[in-house]
């Protein structure tokens, strides 16, 4: 991972232009003149709940968790964000303070575009505005689906779904089995909306059942079919 001084601004901005489709050359020049790219090491806060957004945050590389701070230090992870995605845009476009926090779980590079600049571009570029609307609609659909998961599934189903979600979001290592993300058991629990103890116990059960293989924070998915089945039947079981 590059240090702050070694960030390739040109390549970073090219990633921004890929995320923000339909920009004209003039608009790209506007963004280049009103943005900055920074390096944030693992564990660094990108923004905190209650702060006022002044920039559109673009994750160029790395991994970030978006979470709601809970009671007694127990958080709820709302989203896991991979490279080439936007962060904190709902609060920015809604002109509200952040209602969640974001923290890097891997060394990351973030590009920040000035709020007034992106607003000015959106007012003139209907195609980009429509693209942002699609991003917001997809996030709303994801939140809706996750709400159903958290209210209708037991802990085995929630953990199985979380593991499959991590695979979909971050992909796999070259062995096609190991998740390309290393979460603490606490973060995995927060993603699944359960206690850390329940996450550890359920993950251990999955290991004994040969569904996964554990090596510290590395998790191999040995039997995706069974994990998908568990994710589905644990929802149906509630109605039986």
Foldseek 3Di string as FASTA:
>chain_A
DDAFVPDDLVLLLVLVCVLQDPDDPVLSVLQSVFKDKGKDAAFDWPFAFPAFDFWWKAWAAAKKWKWAQDPPRQIATLDIAGHSDTPPVVCLVVRHGHRIIMGTRHTTMMMTGGSVSVVVRCVPGVVSVVSVVVVVVVSVVSNVVVVLLLVQFDQLLLLLVLVVVQCVRQNAPPVRFKRPGFDDLSVSCSHSVHHSVSSVVSVVVCVVVVQWPDDHRIITGRNNPVSVVNNPVRRVVVVD
